[in-house]
C-alpha cells in the first residue's frame, strides 16, 4: 500500500491508498454499498458507482493528470472564487482549492457500512474541511471557517459532472420558474418558465435564489439522478457543446454529449460573507433511482 504525508490517519479495510492517474495519490473506497475514488489533489471525487448501477460521475479521457493542473470531471471544488478571479487575471480559474493537496484527517466506516472521509485545507485567512460519505447515496459537505479577525467573502461550488447517455435526450427538473443568469447569451436575468431544462446548444447558466432539489431525467440510461442540497442558494447548469469542447485542451472534442454539470454553489450575488469565528457549511447529496 502507498504511504503519504497527506494521509496521517489509519485507513479502514474499505479504503486503500494507491497511485492514480499521473502517479497522484488516490483513495479507493469499496464497501457493500458503492465504489468510489477520491484524489488528495483537490480532494477531488473522481468516481462513485452505487452497487448495481452504472457510474454516476463523468471523467474526461483527456484529463491531464498533473499536480499543477485541475482534474477534468468528477467533483471539482471551486473555492474561494468561481470562474476568473475578479481582479487578478493570473490567478487560477475557480480558485486554489482544486489545485491544492488536501490532508485526510478522518477515515471510518459507520454501523450502516457507509464510509466517511474528511479532508482539511488551511490557507491564510481561511480553513476548510471537506466531508465525503460514500454509500448508496454520495454526500458531500464543504465547511468553511473564518479563523481571522475580519470578515471575508467567498464563492464556492461543487462542480459536479454527471454521466448521461446523451445530453440532448435528458431533462433537468426542479428549477421551473427560477431566474437565471445566462453566461452564453448575456448577463440579463432570464426566467426558466414552467418547462424543465433541455439542451440544444452550449449551456452555462447560474440559477439564482434557489435551494431546490434537481433531478436529471435520463431515459437513455433508464435512471434518475437526484441532487439535494443545503446551505446553497445557487445552482449552475453547464454543458460546453461542440465549439467549447474543441477549445479545451483537457476535454475531448466529442465528449460533450456524455455529460452534464449540475453544480451546488454560492456564486455571484450569492457569495458568502463570513464573520470572524463563523463557519458556513454547504452540502450536496446525490442519489440514483
C-alpha atoms as a PDB file:
ATOM      1  CA  UNK A   1       0.000   0.000   0.000  1.00  0.00           C
ATOM      2  CA  UNK A   2       1.212   3.514  -0.831  1.00  0.00           C
ATOM      3  CA  UNK A   3       2.008   5.885   2.027  1.00  0.00           C
ATOM      4  CA  UNK A   4       1.699   9.662   2.000  1.00  0.00           C
ATOM      5  CA  UNK A   5       2.230  12.505   4.498  1.00  0.00           C
ATOM      6  CA  UNK A   6      -1.204  13.678   3.379  1.00  0.00           C
ATOM      7  CA  UNK A   7      -2.728  10.563   4.965  1.00  0.00           C
ATOM      8  CA  UNK A   8      -1.687  10.606   8.650  1.00  0.00           C
ATOM      9  CA  UNK A   9      -4.685   8.520   9.757  1.00  0.00           C
ATOM     10  CA  UNK A  10      -5.318   4.759   9.849  1.00  0.00           C
ATOM     11  CA  UNK A  11      -7.462   3.587   6.965  1.00  0.00           C
ATOM     12  CA  UNK A  12     -10.334   1.130   7.449  1.00  0.00           C
ATOM     13  CA  UNK A  13     -10.312  -2.048   5.309  1.00  0.00           C
ATOM     14  CA  UNK A  14     -12.729  -0.420   2.855  1.00  0.00           C
ATOM     15  CA  UNK A  15     -10.218   2.293   1.924  1.00  0.00           C
ATOM     16  CA  UNK A  16      -6.865   1.893   0.167  1.00  0.00           C
ATOM     17  CA  UNK A  17      -4.253   4.455  -0.881  1.00  0.00           C
ATOM     18  CA  UNK A  18      -2.548   3.911  -4.222  1.00  0.00           C
ATOM     19  CA  UNK A  19      -1.066   5.808  -7.164  1.00  0.00           C
ATOM     20  CA  UNK A  20      -3.733   7.089  -9.512  1.00  0.00           C
ATOM     21  CA  UNK A  21      -3.512   8.967 -12.793  1.00  0.00           C
ATOM     22  CA  UNK A  22      -0.095  10.565 -13.277  1.00  0.00           C
ATOM     23  CA  UNK A  23       1.045   8.921 -10.051  1.00  0.00           C
ATOM     24  CA  UNK A  24      -1.128  11.260  -7.984  1.00  0.00           C
ATOM     25  CA  UNK A  25      -2.202   9.660  -4.678  1.00  0.00           C
ATOM     26  CA  UNK A  26      -5.722   8.279  -4.824  1.00  0.00           C
ATOM     27  CA  UNK A  27      -8.043   6.773  -2.239  1.00  0.00           C
ATOM     28  CA  UNK A  28     -10.162   3.876  -3.481  1.00  0.00           C
ATOM     29  CA  UNK A  29     -13.264   3.078  -1.440  1.00  0.00           C
ATOM     30  CA  UNK A  30     -15.061  -0.248  -1.830  1.00  0.00           C
ATOM     31  CA  UNK A  31     -17.868  -1.066   0.602  1.00  0.00           C
ATOM     32  CA  UNK A  32     -21.090  -3.049   0.349  1.00  0.00           C
ATOM     33  CA  UNK A  33     -22.994  -0.017  -0.920  1.00  0.00           C
ATOM     34  CA  UNK A  34     -20.740   1.507  -3.552  1.00  0.00           C
ATOM     35  CA  UNK A  35     -17.312   2.038  -5.039  1.00  0.00           C
ATOM     36  CA  UNK A  36     -15.648   5.460  -5.195  1.00  0.00           C
ATOM     37  CA  UNK A  37     -12.318   7.176  -5.826  1.00  0.00           C
ATOM     38  CA  UNK A  38     -11.001  10.405  -4.302  1.00  0.00           C
ATOM     39  CA  UNK A  39      -7.710  12.127  -5.148  1.00  0.00           C
ATOM     40  CA  UNK A  40      -5.842  14.094  -2.483  1.00  0.00           C
ATOM     41  CA  UNK A  41      -5.108  16.619  -5.252  1.00  0.00           C
ATOM     42  CA  UNK A  42      -8.097  18.928  -4.847  1.00  0.00           C
ATOM     43  CA  UNK A  43      -9.868  16.435  -2.522  1.00  0.00           C
ATOM     44  CA  UNK A  44     -11.347  15.504  -5.873  1.00  0.00           C
ATOM     45  CA  UNK A  45     -14.011  12.787  -6.059  1.00  0.00           C
ATOM     46  CA  UNK A  46     -13.450  11.194  -9.467  1.00  0.00           C
ATOM     47  CA  UNK A  47     -15.751   8.156  -9.265  1.00  0.00           C
ATOM     48  CA  UNK A  48     -18.866   6.959  -7.479  1.00  0.00           C
ATOM     49  CA  UNK A  49     -20.776   3.877  -8.526  1.00  0.00           C
ATOM     50  CA  UNK A  50     -23.559   2.555  -6.275  1.00  0.00           C
ATOM     51  CA  UNK A  51     -23.988  -1.214  -6.177  1.00  0.00           C
ATOM     52  CA  UNK A  52     -25.930  -2.389  -9.230  1.00  0.00           C
ATOM     53  CA  UNK A  53     -25.688   0.976 -11.033  1.00  0.00           C
ATOM     54  CA  UNK A  54     -23.633   2.383 -13.886  1.00  0.00           C
ATOM     55  CA  UNK A  55     -21.033   5.053 -12.981  1.00  0.00           C
ATOM     56  CA  UNK A  56     -22.732   8.278 -11.907  1.00  0.00           C
ATOM     57  CA  UNK A  57     -19.822  10.710 -12.264  1.00  0.00           C
ATOM     58  CA  UNK A  58     -18.224  11.530 -15.608  1.00  0.00           C
ATOM     59  CA  UNK A  59     -14.498  11.864 -16.261  1.00  0.00           C
ATOM     60  CA  UNK A  60     -12.844  13.157 -19.412  1.00  0.00           C
ATOM     61  CA  UNK A  61     -10.474  10.759 -21.159  1.00  0.00           C
ATOM     62  CA  UNK A  62      -8.317  13.830 -21.838  1.00  0.00           C
ATOM     63  CA  UNK A  63      -7.835  14.750 -18.159  1.00  0.00           C
ATOM     64  CA  UNK A  64      -4.288  15.996 -17.598  1.00  0.00           C
ATOM     65  CA  UNK A  65      -3.077  14.141 -14.520  1.00  0.00           C
ATOM     66  CA  UNK A  66      -0.721  16.852 -13.333  1.00  0.00           C
ATOM     67  CA  UNK A  67      -0.249  18.232  -9.810  1.00  0.00           C
ATOM     68  CA  UNK A  68      -0.148  21.748 -11.266  1.00  0.00           C
ATOM     69  CA  UNK A  69      -3.465  21.406 -13.116  1.00  0.00           C
ATOM     70  CA  UNK A  70      -7.080  20.691 -12.168  1.00  0.00           C
ATOM     71  CA  UNK A  71      -8.745  17.343 -12.838  1.00  0.00           C
ATOM     72  CA  UNK A  72     -11.438  17.426 -15.539  1.00  0.00           C
ATOM     73  CA  UNK A  73     -14.593  15.649 -14.412  1.00  0.00           C
ATOM     74  CA  UNK A  74     -15.880  14.151 -11.181  1.00  0.00           C
ATOM     75  CA  UNK A  75     -16.479  16.786  -8.493  1.00  0.00           C
ATOM     76  CA  UNK A  76     -14.019  19.698  -8.565  1.00  0.00           C
ATOM     77  CA  UNK A  77     -14.175  22.028  -5.553  1.00  0.00           C
ATOM     78  CA  UNK A  78     -14.403  25.657  -6.709  1.00  0.00           C
ATOM     79  CA  UNK A  79     -13.240  27.891  -3.839  1.00  0.00           C
ATOM     80  CA  UNK A  80     -12.778  30.697  -2.805  1.00  0.00           C
ATOM     81  CA  UNK A  81     -13.887  32.206  -6.116  1.00  0.00           C
ATOM     82  CA  UNK A  82     -15.894  30.914  -9.075  1.00  0.00           C
ATOM     83  CA  UNK A  83     -14.719  31.422 -12.639  1.00  0.00           C
ATOM     84  CA  UNK A  84     -11.994  34.009 -13.236  1.00  0.00           C
ATOM     85  CA  UNK A  85     -10.607  35.872 -10.231  1.00  0.00           C
ATOM     86  CA  UNK A  86     -12.400  39.249 -10.056  1.00  0.00           C
ATOM     87  CA  UNK A  87      -9.185  41.322 -10.006  1.00  0.00           C
ATOM     88  CA  UNK A  88      -6.150  39.079 -10.645  1.00  0.00           C
ATOM     89  CA  UNK A  89      -6.035  37.654 -14.184  1.00  0.00           C
ATOM     90  CA  UNK A  90      -3.036  35.482 -13.278  1.00  0.00           C
ATOM     91  CA  UNK A  91      -4.942  33.664 -10.514  1.00  0.00           C
ATOM     92  CA  UNK A  92      -6.266  30.186 -11.347  1.00  0.00           C
ATOM     93  CA  UNK A  93      -9.831  29.884 -12.587  1.00  0.00           C
ATOM     94  CA  UNK A  94     -12.279  28.630  -9.933  1.00  0.00           C
ATOM     95  CA  UNK A  95      -9.867  29.264  -7.045  1.00  0.00           C
ATOM     96  CA  UNK A  96      -6.952  27.429  -5.470  1.00  0.00           C
ATOM     97  CA  UNK A  97      -8.816  24.597  -3.693  1.00  0.00           C
ATOM     98  CA  UNK A  98      -8.963  22.283  -6.706  1.00  0.00           C
ATOM     99  CA  UNK A  99      -5.208  22.672  -7.252  1.00  0.00           C
ATOM    100  CA  UNK A 100      -4.152  22.176  -3.629  1.00  0.00           C
ATOM    101  CA  UNK A 101      -3.224  18.976  -1.834  1.00  0.00           C
ATOM    102  CA  UNK A 102      -5.721  18.305   0.961  1.00  0.00           C
ATOM    103  CA  UNK A 103      -4.864  16.290   4.085  1.00  0.00           C
ATOM    104  CA  UNK A 104      -7.019  13.336   5.064  1.00  0.00           C
ATOM    105  CA  UNK A 105      -7.938  13.828   8.734  1.00  0.00           C
ATOM    106  CA  UNK A 106     -10.605  11.147   9.160  1.00  0.00           C
ATOM    107  CA  UNK A 107     -11.460   7.778   7.598  1.00  0.00           C
ATOM    108  CA  UNK A 108     -14.025   5.447   9.133  1.00  0.00           C
ATOM    109  CA  UNK A 109     -16.986   3.193   8.435  1.00  0.00           C
ATOM    110  CA  UNK A 110     -20.209   3.646  10.352  1.00  0.00           C
ATOM    111  CA  UNK A 111     -22.561   0.896  11.580  1.00  0.00           C
ATOM    112  CA  UNK A 112     -24.519   1.037   8.331  1.00  0.00           C
ATOM    113  CA  UNK A 113     -21.401   0.354   6.265  1.00  0.00           C
ATOM    114  CA  UNK A 114     -21.095   3.904   4.899  1.00  0.00           C
ATOM    115  CA  UNK A 115     -17.500   5.124   4.543  1.00  0.00           C
ATOM    116  CA  UNK A 116     -16.769   8.628   5.872  1.00  0.00           C
ATOM    117  CA  UNK A 117     -13.728  10.652   4.819  1.00  0.00           C
ATOM    118  CA  UNK A 118     -12.741  14.168   5.896  1.00  0.00           C
ATOM    119  CA  UNK A 119     -10.114  16.337   4.223  1.00  0.00           C
ATOM    120  CA  UNK A 120      -8.593  19.573   5.512  1.00  0.00           C
ATOM    121  CA  UNK A 121      -7.150  22.581   3.717  1.00  0.00           C
ATOM    122  CA  UNK A 122      -5.686  25.555   5.563  1.00  0.00           C
ATOM    123  CA  UNK A 123      -4.753  28.788   3.806  1.00  0.00           C
ATOM    124  CA  UNK A 124      -4.012  32.261   5.182  1.00  0.00           C
ATOM    125  CA  UNK A 125      -7.271  33.717   6.438  1.00  0.00           C
ATOM    126  CA  UNK A 126      -9.476  30.658   5.985  1.00  0.00           C
ATOM    127  CA  UNK A 127      -9.745  26.957   6.751  1.00  0.00           C
ATOM    128  CA  UNK A 128     -11.870  24.333   5.027  1.00  0.00           C
ATOM    129  CA  UNK A 129     -12.940  20.777   5.810  1.00  0.00           C
ATOM    130  CA  UNK A 130     -14.490  18.633   3.094  1.00  0.00           C
ATOM    131  CA  UNK A 131     -16.521  15.615   4.171  1.00  0.00           C
ATOM    132  CA  UNK A 132     -17.308  12.759   1.798  1.00  0.00           C
ATOM    133  CA  UNK A 133     -19.727   9.957   2.737  1.00  0.00           C
ATOM    134  CA  UNK A 134     -19.710   7.010   0.329  1.00  0.00           C
ATOM    135  CA  UNK A 135     -22.779   4.794   0.421  1.00  0.00           C
ATOM    136  CA  UNK A 136     -25.837   4.146  -1.740  1.00  0.00           C
ATOM    137  CA  UNK A 137     -26.030   7.955  -1.559  1.00  0.00           C
ATOM    138  CA  UNK A 138     -22.972  10.169  -2.065  1.00  0.00           C
ATOM    139  CA  UNK A 139     -22.977  13.044   0.412  1.00  0.00           C
ATOM    140  CA  UNK A 140     -20.516  15.938   0.125  1.00  0.00           C
ATOM    141  CA  UNK A 141     -20.136  18.745   2.666  1.00  0.00           C
ATOM    142  CA  UNK A 142     -17.804  21.739   2.386  1.00  0.00           C
ATOM    143  CA  UNK A 143     -17.256  23.533   5.710  1.00  0.00           C
ATOM    144  CA  UNK A 144     -15.502  26.908   5.547  1.00  0.00           C
ATOM    145  CA  UNK A 145     -14.304  28.567   8.746  1.00  0.00           C
ATOM    146  CA  UNK A 146     -13.007  32.101   9.282  1.00  0.00           C
ATOM    147  CA  UNK A 147     -10.211  31.965  11.889  1.00  0.00           C
ATOM    148  CA  UNK A 148      -9.243  35.603  11.376  1.00  0.00           C
ATOM    149  CA  UNK A 149     -10.251  38.932  12.872  1.00  0.00           C
ATOM    150  CA  UNK A 150     -12.007  40.298   9.814  1.00  0.00           C
ATOM    151  CA  UNK A 151     -14.980  39.082   7.792  1.00  0.00           C
ATOM    152  CA  UNK A 152     -14.258  37.754   4.322  1.00  0.00           C
ATOM    153  CA  UNK A 153     -16.361  36.983   1.269  1.00  0.00           C
ATOM    154  CA  UNK A 154     -16.035  33.855  -0.853  1.00  0.00           C
ATOM    155  CA  UNK A 155     -17.710  31.927  -3.636  1.00  0.00           C
ATOM    156  CA  UNK A 156     -17.935  28.141  -3.734  1.00  0.00           C
ATOM    157  CA  UNK A 157     -19.278  25.347  -5.901  1.00  0.00           C
ATOM    158  CA  UNK A 158     -19.223  21.568  -6.095  1.00  0.00           C
ATOM    159  CA  UNK A 159     -18.785  21.480  -9.871  1.00  0.00           C
ATOM    160  CA  UNK A 160     -20.294  18.017 -10.332  1.00  0.00           C
ATOM    161  CA  UNK A 161     -20.005  16.287 -13.728  1.00  0.00           C
ATOM    162  CA  UNK A 162     -22.735  13.679 -14.224  1.00  0.00           C
ATOM    163  CA  UNK A 163     -22.570  10.868 -16.758  1.00  0.00           C
ATOM    164  CA  UNK A 164     -25.564  10.763 -19.116  1.00  0.00           C
ATOM    165  CA  UNK A 165     -26.482   8.712 -22.171  1.00  0.00           C
ATOM    166  CA  UNK A 166     -26.882  11.772 -24.397  1.00  0.00           C
ATOM    167  CA  UNK A 167     -27.331  15.314 -23.077  1.00  0.00           C
ATOM    168  CA  UNK A 168     -29.683  16.057 -25.969  1.00  0.00           C
ATOM    169  CA  UNK A 169     -32.144  13.485 -24.621  1.00  0.00           C
ATOM    170  CA  UNK A 170     -32.203  14.389 -20.920  1.00  0.00           C
ATOM    171  CA  UNK A 171     -34.175  16.927 -18.914  1.00  0.00           C
ATOM    172  CA  UNK A 172     -33.467  18.581 -15.586  1.00  0.00           C
ATOM    173  CA  UNK A 173     -36.437  19.055 -13.276  1.00  0.00           C
ATOM    174  CA  UNK A 174     -36.671  21.284 -10.214  1.00  0.00           C
ATOM    175  CA  UNK A 175     -35.823  24.780 -11.466  1.00  0.00           C
ATOM    176  CA  UNK A 176     -39.126  25.745 -13.093  1.00  0.00           C
ATOM    177  CA  UNK A 177     -39.926  29.421 -12.571  1.00  0.00           C
ATOM    178  CA  UNK A 178     -36.386  30.212 -11.378  1.00  0.00           C
ATOM    179  CA  UNK A 179     -34.467  33.265 -12.546  1.00  0.00           C
ATOM    180  CA  UNK A 180     -31.020  32.660 -14.004  1.00  0.00           C
ATOM    181  CA  UNK A 181     -28.006  34.418 -15.494  1.00  0.00           C
ATOM    182  CA  UNK A 182     -27.220  33.147 -18.980  1.00  0.00           C
ATOM    183  CA  UNK A 183     -23.437  33.315 -19.393  1.00  0.00           C
ATOM    184  CA  UNK A 184     -23.737  32.324 -23.053  1.00  0.00           C
ATOM    185  CA  UNK A 185     -26.454  34.772 -24.058  1.00  0.00           C
ATOM    186  CA  UNK A 186     -25.500  37.786 -21.949  1.00  0.00           C
ATOM    187  CA  UNK A 187     -25.879  38.825 -18.323  1.00  0.00           C
ATOM    188  CA  UNK A 188     -29.524  39.921 -18.397  1.00  0.00           C
ATOM    189  CA  UNK A 189     -31.513  37.768 -15.934  1.00  0.00           C
ATOM    190  CA  UNK A 190     -33.948  35.361 -17.546  1.00  0.00           C
ATOM    191  CA  UNK A 191     -36.580  33.005 -16.179  1.00  0.00           C
ATOM    192  CA  UNK A 192     -36.761  29.262 -16.739  1.00  0.00           C
ATOM    193  CA  UNK A 193     -40.527  29.260 -17.087  1.00  0.00           C
ATOM    194  CA  UNK A 194     -42.611  26.164 -16.479  1.00  0.00           C
ATOM    195  CA  UNK A 195     -40.641  23.771 -18.670  1.00  0.00           C
ATOM    196  CA  UNK A 196     -37.777  21.551 -17.492  1.00  0.00           C
ATOM    197  CA  UNK A 197     -34.281  22.313 -18.755  1.00  0.00           C
ATOM    198  CA  UNK A 198     -33.452  20.797 -22.156  1.00  0.00           C
ATOM    199  CA  UNK A 199     -30.174  21.045 -24.087  1.00  0.00           C
ATOM    200  CA  UNK A 200     -29.934  22.169 -27.703  1.00  0.00           C
ATOM    201  CA  UNK A 201     -26.747  24.279 -27.614  1.00  0.00           C
ATOM    202  CA  UNK A 202     -23.955  25.406 -25.287  1.00  0.00           C
ATOM    203  CA  UNK A 203     -25.483  25.988 -21.856  1.00  0.00           C
ATOM    204  CA  UNK A 204     -23.913  27.930 -18.971  1.00  0.00           C
ATOM    205  CA  UNK A 205     -26.499  29.207 -16.503  1.00  0.00           C
ATOM    206  CA  UNK A 206     -26.434  30.349 -12.895  1.00  0.00           C
ATOM    207  CA  UNK A 207     -29.860  29.763 -11.343  1.00  0.00           C
ATOM    208  CA  UNK A 208     -30.417  32.288  -8.565  1.00  0.00           C
ATOM    209  CA  UNK A 209     -32.029  32.216  -5.140  1.00  0.00           C
ATOM    210  CA  UNK A 210     -32.804  28.515  -5.281  1.00  0.00           C
ATOM    211  CA  UNK A 211     -32.464  25.784  -2.691  1.00  0.00           C
ATOM    212  CA  UNK A 212     -34.417  23.328  -4.823  1.00  0.00           C
ATOM    213  CA  UNK A 213     -33.701  19.658  -5.389  1.00  0.00           C
ATOM    214  CA  UNK A 214     -32.782  18.935  -9.013  1.00  0.00           C
ATOM    215  CA  UNK A 215     -33.481  15.705 -10.879  1.00  0.00           C
ATOM    216  CA  UNK A 216     -31.691  14.608 -14.050  1.00  0.00           C
ATOM    217  CA  UNK A 217     -34.155  12.503 -16.036  1.00  0.00           C
ATOM    218  CA  UNK A 218     -32.106  10.233 -18.323  1.00  0.00           C
ATOM    219  CA  UNK A 219     -34.306   7.890 -20.397  1.00  0.00           C
ATOM    220  CA  UNK A 220     -31.268   6.608 -22.307  1.00  0.00           C
ATOM    221  CA  UNK A 221     -29.842   5.069 -19.133  1.00  0.00           C
ATOM    222  CA  UNK A 222     -33.298   4.430 -17.602  1.00  0.00           C
ATOM    223  CA  UNK A 223     -32.397   6.326 -14.449  1.00  0.00           C
ATOM    224  CA  UNK A 224     -32.947   9.484 -12.458  1.00  0.00           C
ATOM    225  CA  UNK A 225     -30.136  11.283 -10.616  1.00  0.00           C
ATOM    226  CA  UNK A 226     -31.439  13.341  -7.698  1.00  0.00           C
ATOM    227  CA  UNK A 227     -29.318  16.177  -6.280  1.00  0.00           C
ATOM    228  CA  UNK A 228     -30.405  17.612  -2.943  1.00  0.00           C
ATOM    229  CA  UNK A 229     -28.566  20.447  -1.237  1.00  0.00           C
ATOM    230  CA  UNK A 230     -28.341  22.638   1.859  1.00  0.00           C
ATOM    231  CA  UNK A 231     -26.510  25.878   2.539  1.00  0.00           C
ATOM    232  CA  UNK A 232     -26.579  26.728  -1.170  1.00  0.00           C
ATOM    233  CA  UNK A 233     -28.533  29.485  -2.905  1.00  0.00           C
ATOM    234  CA  UNK A 234     -27.360  28.996  -6.491  1.00  0.00           C
ATOM    235  CA  UNK A 235     -27.337  26.093  -8.946  1.00  0.00           C
ATOM    236  CA  UNK A 236     -25.123  26.134 -12.038  1.00  0.00           C
ATOM    237  CA  UNK A 237     -26.052  24.079 -15.129  1.00  0.00           C
ATOM    238  CA  UNK A 238     -23.393  23.601 -17.799  1.00  0.00           C
ATOM    239  CA  UNK A 239     -22.601  21.743 -20.992  1.00  0.00           C
ATOM    240  CA  UNK A 240     -19.908  23.070 -23.359  1.00  0.00           C
ATOM    241  CA  UNK A 241     -21.414  21.703 -26.603  1.00  0.00           C
ATOM    242  CA  UNK A 242     -19.306  21.470 -29.764  1.00  0.00           C
ATOM    243  CA  UNK A 243     -17.156  24.598 -30.097  1.00  0.00           C
ATOM    244  CA  UNK A 244     -16.284  25.000 -26.409  1.00  0.00           C
ATOM    245  CA  UNK A 245     -15.380  21.299 -26.154  1.00  0.00           C
ATOM    246  CA  UNK A 246     -12.925  21.664 -29.024  1.00  0.00           C
ATOM    247  CA  UNK A 247     -11.363  24.722 -27.379  1.00  0.00           C
ATOM    248  CA  UNK A 248     -10.494  22.948 -24.098  1.00  0.00           C
ATOM    249  CA  UNK A 249      -7.179  21.033 -24.105  1.00  0.00           C
ATOM    250  CA  UNK A 250      -8.226  18.667 -21.308  1.00  0.00           C
ATOM    251  CA  UNK A 251     -11.613  17.796 -22.802  1.00  0.00           C
ATOM    252  CA  UNK A 252     -12.211  15.504 -25.776  1.00  0.00           C
ATOM    253  CA  UNK A 253     -13.756  17.097 -28.851  1.00  0.00           C
ATOM    254  CA  UNK A 254     -16.568  14.534 -28.971  1.00  0.00           C
ATOM    255  CA  UNK A 255     -17.184  14.035 -25.243  1.00  0.00           C
ATOM    256  CA  UNK A 256     -19.799  16.741 -24.703  1.00  0.00           C
ATOM    257  CA  UNK A 257     -22.891  14.518 -25.272  1.00  0.00           C
ATOM    258  CA  UNK A 258     -21.779  12.230 -22.397  1.00  0.00           C
ATOM    259  CA  UNK A 259     -22.061  14.695 -19.510  1.00  0.00           C
ATOM    260  CA  UNK A 260     -23.900  17.488 -17.801  1.00  0.00           C
ATOM    261  CA  UNK A 261     -22.877  19.602 -14.830  1.00  0.00           C
ATOM    262  CA  UNK A 262     -25.393  20.395 -12.103  1.00  0.00           C
ATOM    263  CA  UNK A 263     -23.438  22.372  -9.548  1.00  0.00           C
ATOM    264  CA  UNK A 264     -24.329  23.135  -5.955  1.00  0.00           C
ATOM    265  CA  UNK A 265     -22.953  26.565  -5.105  1.00  0.00           C
ATOM    266  CA  UNK A 266     -22.941  30.061  -3.728  1.00  0.00           C
ATOM    267  CA  UNK A 267     -21.728  32.301  -6.546  1.00  0.00           C
ATOM    268  CA  UNK A 268     -22.219  35.765  -7.997  1.00  0.00           C
ATOM    269  CA  UNK A 269     -24.895  37.572  -5.951  1.00  0.00           C
ATOM    270  CA  UNK A 270     -24.960  34.633  -3.526  1.00  0.00           C
ATOM    271  CA  UNK A 271     -21.320  34.847  -2.446  1.00  0.00           C
ATOM    272  CA  UNK A 272     -20.994  34.152   1.297  1.00  0.00           C
ATOM    273  CA  UNK A 273     -19.929  36.866   3.752  1.00  0.00           C
ATOM    274  CA  UNK A 274     -18.374  35.055   6.727  1.00  0.00           C
ATOM    275  CA  UNK A 275     -17.829  36.888  10.048  1.00  0.00           C
ATOM    276  CA  UNK A 276     -14.755  36.211  12.231  1.00  0.00           C
ATOM    277  CA  UNK A 277     -15.003  32.854  14.005  1.00  0.00           C
ATOM    278  CA  UNK A 278     -18.002  31.731  11.952  1.00  0.00           C
ATOM    279  CA  UNK A 279     -18.409  28.568   9.877  1.00  0.00           C
ATOM    280  CA  UNK A 280     -20.507  28.018   6.760  1.00  0.00           C
ATOM    281  CA  UNK A 281     -21.458  24.533   5.530  1.00  0.00           C
ATOM    282  CA  UNK A 282     -22.761  23.646   2.072  1.00  0.00           C
ATOM    283  CA  UNK A 283     -23.874  20.111   1.251  1.00  0.00           C
ATOM    284  CA  UNK A 284     -24.828  18.132  -1.816  1.00  0.00           C
ATOM    285  CA  UNK A 285     -26.489  14.714  -1.608  1.00  0.00           C
ATOM    286  CA  UNK A 286     -26.631  12.570  -4.750  1.00  0.00           C
ATOM    287  CA  UNK A 287     -28.860   9.534  -5.199  1.00  0.00           C
ATOM    288  CA  UNK A 288     -29.852   7.354  -8.147  1.00  0.00           C
ATOM    289  CA  UNK A 289     -33.112   5.591  -8.952  1.00  0.00           C
END
